[in-house]
């Protein structure tokens, strides 16, 4: 190439940060803009990273920080609502045998690790900034930003999440749809003896679970039917989660006693999204939650986003021609992997909603994990 290609990344979450790091490593000029002034550095409670996510984090060069910051484990327990352990299953190492099956960690810590890596990559970062106008032609995209500046790029990568404004701006009409479930999440002290994720199905919630995120921390969650958000005042969030969680035994009484601050409790609906046909229009391409989203029943949201970034960066850096054929190849490669995960994640939740007790949930999970062991 006669000059370094220029890329604008819109959104500084997992997908946007990852694709920025990969492209900068290849010598491309990358600007990243993020709407939030704080780069979402403190948002969220915990995150479950399975092996295929860890594989991409290792490619990004941040695995050692992730390993040191999180809690690795290799099994999942199924319990009765009273805490009785019914079954313990060994997790498949979807990232390969040299990585843990799963690492739990605090979501703000993962975000800070990726932020630091973006900064170190030399990308130009502007916070509190959005793209207001995208003007495309055959050779690139002219962008006007919310701060009044204008720039031109060879490519725009939209990583601006589930509510992506870029998706609509380029004429893609797919929108996220609620699945009928909602989740309460909170970070909490880790009770002695919590060394893996345990899940209870049944009781007043559809699912009650927790995941260790460090030597002294976990994040805990309960899943119920979604309710009108306007009917739940934020100041009652701790009371609402504690009410649901108080019905569970085992480690839950200790966890429940720590749920006191409503500001630390997050309430989110489960959504599904899969953009069909292609994930690009001209020189603007979607990655991560802007293109697809699934309920966290398989803990694959961040993993799929990280994989998008890895695959797209591979294709972009291996080709001198950035055209419809390249972006369609990216879509076809990714949708073959994303679609079954989205569908399986939704199906697992639907079985819970419908009260189906004889569903082959373990079999479906095993099939998905076997597929995810393959390279994306």
Protein backbone atom coordinates (compact mmCIF):
# COMPACT_ATOMS: atom_id res chain seq x y z
CA UNK A 1 0.00 0.00 0.00
CA UNK A 2 1.21 3.48 -0.82
CA UNK A 3 -0.16 4.95 2.42
CA UNK A 4 -1.56 3.73 5.70
CA UNK A 5 -5.27 3.08 5.46
CA UNK A 6 -7.43 5.21 7.76
CA UNK A 7 -10.19 3.73 9.88
CA UNK A 8 -12.74 5.27 12.22
CA UNK A 9 -14.04 3.02 15.01
CA UNK A 10 -17.31 4.18 16.56
CA UNK A 11 -17.69 2.80 20.08
CA UNK A 12 -15.20 1.81 22.75
CA UNK A 13 -16.62 -1.43 24.11
CA UNK A 14 -15.13 -4.89 23.70
CA UNK A 15 -15.50 -5.06 19.91
CA UNK A 16 -14.40 -1.48 19.23
CA UNK A 17 -11.41 -1.64 21.52
CA UNK A 18 -10.30 -5.01 20.15
CA UNK A 19 -10.53 -4.09 16.46
CA UNK A 20 -8.65 -0.86 17.17
CA UNK A 21 -5.77 -2.75 18.79
CA UNK A 22 -5.58 -5.31 15.98
CA UNK A 23 -5.59 -2.69 13.22
CA UNK A 24 -3.04 -0.46 14.94
CA UNK A 25 -0.75 -3.47 15.33
CA UNK A 26 -0.89 -3.87 11.53
CA UNK A 27 0.13 -0.23 11.03
CA UNK A 28 -3.23 1.26 10.07
CA UNK A 29 -4.19 4.75 11.21
CA UNK A 30 -7.15 4.41 13.59
CA UNK A 31 -9.33 6.97 15.31
CA UNK A 32 -11.69 5.72 18.01
CA UNK A 33 -14.61 7.77 19.26
CA UNK A 34 -16.74 6.91 22.29
CA UNK A 35 -19.94 8.66 23.32
CA UNK A 36 -19.34 8.27 27.07
CA UNK A 37 -16.91 10.72 28.66
CA UNK A 38 -15.59 8.02 31.00
CA UNK A 39 -15.21 5.36 28.26
CA UNK A 40 -17.59 3.15 30.29
CA UNK A 41 -14.68 2.45 32.61
CA UNK A 42 -16.83 1.86 35.70
CA UNK A 43 -20.04 0.41 34.25
CA UNK A 44 -21.18 -3.14 34.94
CA UNK A 45 -20.70 -5.78 37.61
CA UNK A 46 -19.11 -8.98 36.33
CA UNK A 47 -18.51 -10.92 33.15
CA UNK A 48 -18.08 -14.60 32.33
CA UNK A 49 -15.39 -15.15 29.69
CA UNK A 50 -15.30 -18.59 28.15
CA UNK A 51 -12.30 -20.02 26.35
CA UNK A 52 -13.11 -18.65 22.91
CA UNK A 53 -13.14 -15.13 24.39
CA UNK A 54 -9.87 -15.81 26.19
CA UNK A 55 -8.31 -16.94 22.91
CA UNK A 56 -8.97 -13.52 21.36
CA UNK A 57 -7.77 -11.71 24.47
CA UNK A 58 -4.53 -13.65 24.19
CA UNK A 59 -4.20 -12.56 20.54
CA UNK A 60 -4.70 -8.99 21.73
CA UNK A 61 -1.75 -9.40 24.10
CA UNK A 62 -3.75 -8.86 27.30
CA UNK A 63 -4.22 -12.44 28.51
CA UNK A 64 -1.68 -12.12 31.32
CA UNK A 65 -3.52 -9.12 32.77
CA UNK A 66 -6.86 -10.88 32.42
CA UNK A 67 -5.52 -14.03 34.08
CA UNK A 68 -4.10 -12.02 36.98
CA UNK A 69 -7.30 -9.99 37.41
CA UNK A 70 -9.92 -12.73 37.16
CA UNK A 71 -10.80 -16.14 38.57
CA UNK A 72 -10.34 -19.19 36.37
CA UNK A 73 -12.38 -22.38 36.75
CA UNK A 74 -13.35 -25.44 34.75
CA UNK A 75 -16.80 -26.61 35.82
CA UNK A 76 -20.38 -25.48 36.40
CA UNK A 77 -22.69 -26.67 39.14
CA UNK A 78 -26.44 -27.17 38.91
CA UNK A 79 -28.22 -26.76 42.23
CA UNK A 80 -31.72 -27.00 43.61
CA UNK A 81 -33.21 -23.73 44.87
CA UNK A 82 -32.31 -24.78 48.43
CA UNK A 83 -28.63 -24.96 47.43
CA UNK A 84 -28.31 -28.74 47.14
CA UNK A 85 -25.78 -29.52 44.41
CA UNK A 86 -27.48 -31.80 41.89
CA UNK A 87 -24.77 -32.09 39.25
CA UNK A 88 -21.31 -30.73 38.44
CA UNK A 89 -20.30 -30.70 34.76
CA UNK A 90 -16.79 -30.15 33.46
CA UNK A 91 -16.66 -27.26 30.98
CA UNK A 92 -15.15 -27.74 27.55
CA UNK A 93 -12.05 -25.61 26.95
CA UNK A 94 -13.34 -23.76 23.90
CA UNK A 95 -10.17 -21.67 23.62
CA UNK A 96 -7.91 -24.72 23.54
CA UNK A 97 -6.32 -26.89 26.19
CA UNK A 98 -3.77 -24.24 27.19
CA UNK A 99 -6.44 -21.80 28.39
CA UNK A 100 -8.95 -22.18 31.21
CA UNK A 101 -12.48 -23.18 30.30
CA UNK A 102 -13.82 -20.02 31.96
CA UNK A 103 -12.59 -16.88 33.66
CA UNK A 104 -14.89 -14.66 35.67
CA UNK A 105 -13.82 -11.08 36.26
CA UNK A 106 -15.13 -7.67 37.13
CA UNK A 107 -16.36 -6.01 33.95
CA UNK A 108 -14.79 -2.61 34.78
CA UNK A 109 -11.42 -4.30 35.17
CA UNK A 110 -11.66 -5.92 31.73
CA UNK A 111 -12.66 -2.60 30.21
CA UNK A 112 -9.69 -0.86 31.84
CA UNK A 113 -7.30 -3.50 30.50
CA UNK A 114 -8.62 -2.93 26.98
CA UNK A 115 -8.56 0.86 27.41
CA UNK A 116 -4.92 0.71 28.41
CA UNK A 117 -4.13 -1.47 25.38
CA UNK A 118 -5.89 0.96 23.03
CA UNK A 119 -3.94 3.87 24.51
CA UNK A 120 -0.67 1.95 24.16
CA UNK A 121 -1.47 1.13 20.52
CA UNK A 122 -1.18 4.77 19.50
CA UNK A 123 -4.77 5.13 18.28
CA UNK A 124 -6.27 8.59 18.48
CA UNK A 125 -9.12 8.52 21.01
CA UNK A 126 -11.85 11.14 21.46
CA UNK A 127 -14.31 10.66 24.31
CA UNK A 128 -17.73 12.27 24.62
CA UNK A 129 -17.88 12.32 20.82
CA UNK A 130 -20.33 10.84 18.31
CA UNK A 131 -20.52 10.69 14.52
CA UNK A 132 -23.40 12.85 13.33
CA UNK A 133 -23.12 12.64 9.53
CA UNK A 134 -21.63 9.89 7.37
CA UNK A 135 -21.17 10.79 3.71
CA UNK A 136 -20.06 7.86 1.57
CA UNK A 137 -18.65 7.48 -1.91
CA UNK A 138 -16.81 4.67 -3.67
CA UNK A 139 -13.50 5.47 -2.01
CA UNK A 140 -14.37 6.25 1.58
CA UNK A 141 -16.50 8.01 4.17
CA UNK A 142 -16.59 11.67 5.17
CA UNK A 143 -17.62 12.11 8.78
CA UNK A 144 -18.88 15.11 10.70
CA UNK A 145 -18.55 14.73 14.46
CA UNK A 146 -20.61 16.11 17.34
CA UNK A 147 -17.75 18.45 18.25
CA UNK A 148 -17.94 20.08 14.82
CA UNK A 149 -14.82 18.47 13.37
CA UNK A 150 -14.78 16.70 10.03
CA UNK A 151 -12.53 13.90 8.77
CA UNK A 152 -12.36 11.38 5.97
CA UNK A 153 -11.66 7.65 6.30
CA UNK A 154 -11.19 4.63 4.09
CA UNK A 155 -13.50 2.66 6.41
CA UNK A 156 -15.86 3.19 9.34
CA UNK A 157 -16.36 0.32 11.81
CA UNK A 158 -19.57 0.68 13.84
CA UNK A 159 -19.07 -0.89 17.27
CA UNK A 160 -21.64 1.30 19.00
CA UNK A 161 -23.61 -1.45 20.67
CA UNK A 162 -27.11 -2.82 20.76
CA UNK A 163 -28.72 0.60 20.33
CA UNK A 164 -26.36 1.51 17.47
CA UNK A 165 -27.29 4.78 15.81
CA UNK A 166 -24.89 3.98 12.98
CA UNK A 167 -26.87 0.87 12.07
CA UNK A 168 -29.96 2.93 11.33
CA UNK A 169 -27.98 5.75 9.72
CA UNK A 170 -26.75 3.39 6.98
CA UNK A 171 -30.21 1.99 6.31
CA UNK A 172 -30.17 -1.27 8.26
CA UNK A 173 -33.63 -1.60 9.79
CA UNK A 174 -33.07 -4.63 12.07
CA UNK A 175 -33.72 -3.78 15.71
CA UNK A 176 -33.24 -5.68 18.98
CA UNK A 177 -36.28 -7.53 20.28
CA UNK A 178 -36.99 -8.45 23.92
CA UNK A 179 -37.13 -12.18 24.68
CA UNK A 180 -39.44 -11.87 27.68
CA UNK A 181 -36.78 -12.21 30.38
CA UNK A 182 -34.83 -9.73 32.48
CA UNK A 183 -31.79 -10.04 34.73
CA UNK A 184 -30.79 -8.47 38.03
CA UNK A 185 -27.01 -8.30 38.52
CA UNK A 186 -24.80 -7.19 41.38
CA UNK A 187 -21.13 -7.40 42.39
CA UNK A 188 -20.71 -8.94 45.85
CA UNK A 189 -18.11 -10.37 48.26
CA UNK A 190 -17.19 -13.98 47.45
CA UNK A 191 -18.45 -16.46 50.05
CA UNK A 192 -15.92 -19.08 51.12
CA UNK A 193 -16.38 -22.16 48.98
CA UNK A 194 -17.54 -20.43 45.78
CA UNK A 195 -15.05 -21.72 43.23
CA UNK A 196 -17.18 -21.91 40.07
CA UNK A 197 -20.46 -20.81 38.58
CA UNK A 198 -23.48 -22.48 40.19
CA UNK A 199 -26.93 -22.20 38.62
CA UNK A 200 -30.30 -22.88 40.23
CA UNK A 201 -33.29 -23.32 37.93
CA UNK A 202 -36.69 -22.80 39.50
CA UNK A 203 -37.88 -21.01 42.60
CA UNK A 204 -39.28 -17.47 42.30
CA UNK A 205 -36.80 -16.71 39.50
CA UNK A 206 -36.13 -18.68 36.35
CA UNK A 207 -32.38 -18.74 37.02
CA UNK A 208 -30.30 -17.77 40.06
CA UNK A 209 -26.55 -17.89 39.62
CA UNK A 210 -23.19 -16.47 40.55
CA UNK A 211 -19.70 -16.40 39.11
CA UNK A 212 -16.42 -15.80 40.99
CA UNK A 213 -14.61 -12.74 39.62
CA UNK A 214 -11.53 -12.71 41.85
CA UNK A 215 -10.15 -13.95 45.14
CA UNK A 216 -12.67 -11.90 47.13
CA UNK A 217 -15.44 -11.01 44.65
CA UNK A 218 -18.29 -12.53 42.65
CA UNK A 219 -21.12 -11.26 40.59
CA UNK A 220 -24.56 -12.67 41.26
CA UNK A 221 -27.68 -12.62 39.15
CA UNK A 222 -31.33 -13.63 39.14
CA UNK A 223 -33.48 -13.89 36.03
CA UNK A 224 -37.22 -13.29 35.95
CA UNK A 225 -39.90 -12.30 33.43
CA UNK A 226 -39.30 -8.79 32.21
CA UNK A 227 -41.32 -5.97 33.72
CA UNK A 228 -41.99 -2.43 32.62
CA UNK A 229 -38.85 -0.57 33.68
CA UNK A 230 -40.92 2.48 34.57
CA UNK A 231 -42.70 0.40 37.22
CA UNK A 232 -39.46 -0.26 39.14
CA UNK A 233 -38.00 2.87 40.77
CA UNK A 234 -34.17 2.70 40.74
CA UNK A 235 -34.05 3.33 44.49
CA UNK A 236 -35.84 -0.05 44.98
CA UNK A 237 -33.40 -2.12 42.90
CA UNK A 238 -31.60 -3.63 45.91
CA UNK A 239 -34.92 -4.48 47.58
CA UNK A 240 -36.23 -6.13 44.42
CA UNK A 241 -33.14 -8.24 43.85
CA UNK A 242 -32.91 -9.17 47.52
CA UNK A 243 -36.57 -10.26 47.50
CA UNK A 244 -35.93 -12.69 44.63
CA UNK A 245 -32.57 -13.91 45.92
CA UNK A 246 -33.79 -14.50 49.47
CA UNK A 247 -35.66 -17.64 48.38
CA UNK A 248 -32.43 -19.47 47.53
CA UNK A 249 -30.20 -21.49 49.84
CA UNK A 250 -26.59 -22.63 49.82
CA UNK A 251 -24.35 -19.59 49.42
CA UNK A 252 -27.26 -17.30 48.63
CA UNK A 253 -28.09 -16.08 52.16
CA UNK A 254 -24.59 -14.64 52.47
CA UNK A 255 -24.81 -13.10 49.00
CA UNK A 256 -28.29 -11.72 49.64
CA UNK A 257 -27.20 -10.01 52.85
CA UNK A 258 -24.70 -7.94 50.85
CA UNK A 259 -27.29 -6.60 48.38
CA UNK A 260 -27.95 -3.26 50.05
CA UNK A 261 -26.97 -0.48 47.63
CA UNK A 262 -29.48 0.08 44.80
CA UNK A 263 -26.89 2.02 42.81
CA UNK A 264 -24.81 -1.16 42.51
CA UNK A 265 -27.68 -3.29 41.18
CA UNK A 266 -28.24 -3.45 37.43
CA UNK A 267 -31.57 -4.39 35.80
CA UNK A 268 -31.54 -5.30 32.10
CA UNK A 269 -33.94 -6.99 29.72
CA UNK A 270 -32.76 -9.92 27.60
CA UNK A 271 -32.73 -8.96 23.91
CA UNK A 272 -32.00 -10.77 20.69
CA UNK A 273 -30.69 -9.30 17.44
CA UNK A 274 -29.22 -10.76 14.27
CA UNK A 275 -28.78 -8.45 11.29
CA UNK A 276 -29.52 -10.49 8.18
CA UNK A 277 -28.05 -10.34 4.68
CA UNK A 278 -24.91 -8.37 5.35
CA UNK A 279 -23.34 -6.32 8.12
CA UNK A 280 -22.14 -3.48 5.90
CA UNK A 281 -23.34 -0.75 3.62
CA UNK A 282 -20.58 0.58 1.40
CA UNK A 283 -17.57 1.47 3.55
CA UNK A 284 -19.39 1.21 6.90
CA UNK A 285 -19.38 -2.20 8.62
CA UNK A 286 -20.93 -3.42 11.88
CA UNK A 287 -19.23 -5.45 14.59
CA UNK A 288 -20.34 -6.83 17.94
CA UNK A 289 -23.68 -5.95 19.50
CA UNK A 290 -24.41 -3.52 16.68
CA UNK A 291 -24.79 -6.60 14.43
CA UNK A 292 -25.99 -9.27 16.85
CA UNK A 293 -26.97 -9.80 20.46
CA UNK A 294 -28.07 -12.84 22.42
CA UNK A 295 -29.31 -13.43 25.97
CA UNK A 296 -26.47 -14.32 28.37
CA UNK A 297 -27.74 -17.89 28.84
CA UNK A 298 -24.58 -19.17 27.08
CA UNK A 299 -22.30 -16.33 28.28
CA UNK A 300 -21.24 -15.61 24.69
CA UNK A 301 -22.04 -11.93 24.12
CA UNK A 302 -18.56 -10.51 24.68
CA UNK A 303 -16.91 -13.57 23.13
CA UNK A 304 -18.78 -13.17 19.86
CA UNK A 305 -17.96 -9.46 19.78
CA UNK A 306 -14.26 -10.11 20.34
CA UNK A 307 -14.31 -12.76 17.60
CA UNK A 308 -15.91 -10.28 15.17
CA UNK A 309 -13.06 -7.86 15.78
CA UNK A 310 -10.42 -10.55 15.27
CA UNK A 311 -11.92 -11.90 12.04
CA UNK A 312 -12.60 -8.48 10.50
CA UNK A 313 -9.08 -7.29 11.32
CA UNK A 314 -7.60 -10.42 9.74
CA UNK A 315 -9.53 -9.85 6.52
CA UNK A 316 -8.76 -6.13 6.35
CA UNK A 317 -5.03 -6.50 6.96
CA UNK A 318 -4.66 -9.40 4.51
CA UNK A 319 -6.22 -7.59 1.54
CA UNK A 320 -5.34 -4.55 -0.55
CA UNK A 321 -8.94 -4.36 -1.77
CA UNK A 322 -11.65 -3.34 0.64
CA UNK A 323 -14.85 -3.99 -1.27
CA UNK A 324 -18.28 -5.60 -1.02
CA UNK A 325 -16.78 -9.05 -1.58
CA UNK A 326 -14.50 -8.70 1.46
CA UNK A 327 -17.27 -7.42 3.72
CA UNK A 328 -19.67 -10.11 2.51
CA UNK A 329 -17.01 -12.74 3.25
CA UNK A 330 -16.75 -11.32 6.77
CA UNK A 331 -20.53 -11.58 7.20
CA UNK A 332 -20.76 -15.12 5.87
CA UNK A 333 -17.87 -16.32 8.02
CA UNK A 334 -19.30 -14.78 11.16
CA UNK A 335 -23.02 -15.42 10.70
CA UNK A 336 -22.40 -19.15 10.38
CA UNK A 337 -21.06 -19.03 13.94
CA UNK A 338 -23.23 -16.31 15.43
CA UNK A 339 -26.62 -17.56 14.26
CA UNK A 340 -26.58 -20.91 16.13
CA UNK A 341 -25.36 -19.20 19.30
CA UNK A 342 -28.10 -16.56 19.17
CA UNK A 343 -30.74 -19.19 18.46
CA UNK A 344 -29.49 -21.53 21.19
CA UNK A 345 -29.26 -18.70 23.74
CA UNK A 346 -32.84 -17.69 22.99
CA UNK A 347 -34.05 -21.31 23.07
CA UNK A 348 -32.58 -21.93 26.52
CA UNK A 349 -34.42 -18.92 27.85
CA UNK A 350 -37.64 -19.89 26.10
CA UNK A 351 -37.58 -23.33 27.71
CA UNK A 352 -37.43 -21.58 31.08
CA UNK A 353 -40.28 -19.23 30.18
CA UNK A 354 -42.43 -22.14 28.97
CA UNK A 355 -41.63 -24.33 31.97
CA UNK A 356 -40.31 -27.16 29.78
CA UNK A 357 -38.70 -29.62 32.19
CA UNK A 358 -37.63 -32.33 29.75
CA UNK A 359 -35.66 -30.06 27.40
CA UNK A 360 -32.21 -31.22 26.33
CA UNK A 361 -30.51 -28.10 27.68
CA UNK A 362 -27.22 -29.86 28.59
CA UNK A 363 -27.06 -31.41 25.13
CA UNK A 364 -27.67 -28.08 23.41
CA UNK A 365 -25.00 -26.40 25.54
CA UNK A 366 -22.51 -29.16 24.76
CA UNK A 367 -23.14 -28.84 21.02
CA UNK A 368 -22.59 -25.10 21.16
CA UNK A 369 -19.39 -25.39 23.17
CA UNK A 370 -18.04 -28.02 20.77
CA UNK A 371 -18.71 -25.69 17.83
CA UNK A 372 -17.06 -22.76 19.61
CA UNK A 373 -13.88 -24.73 20.14
CA UNK A 374 -13.22 -24.35 16.41
CA UNK A 375 -11.48 -21.17 15.26
CA UNK A 376 -13.95 -18.39 14.40
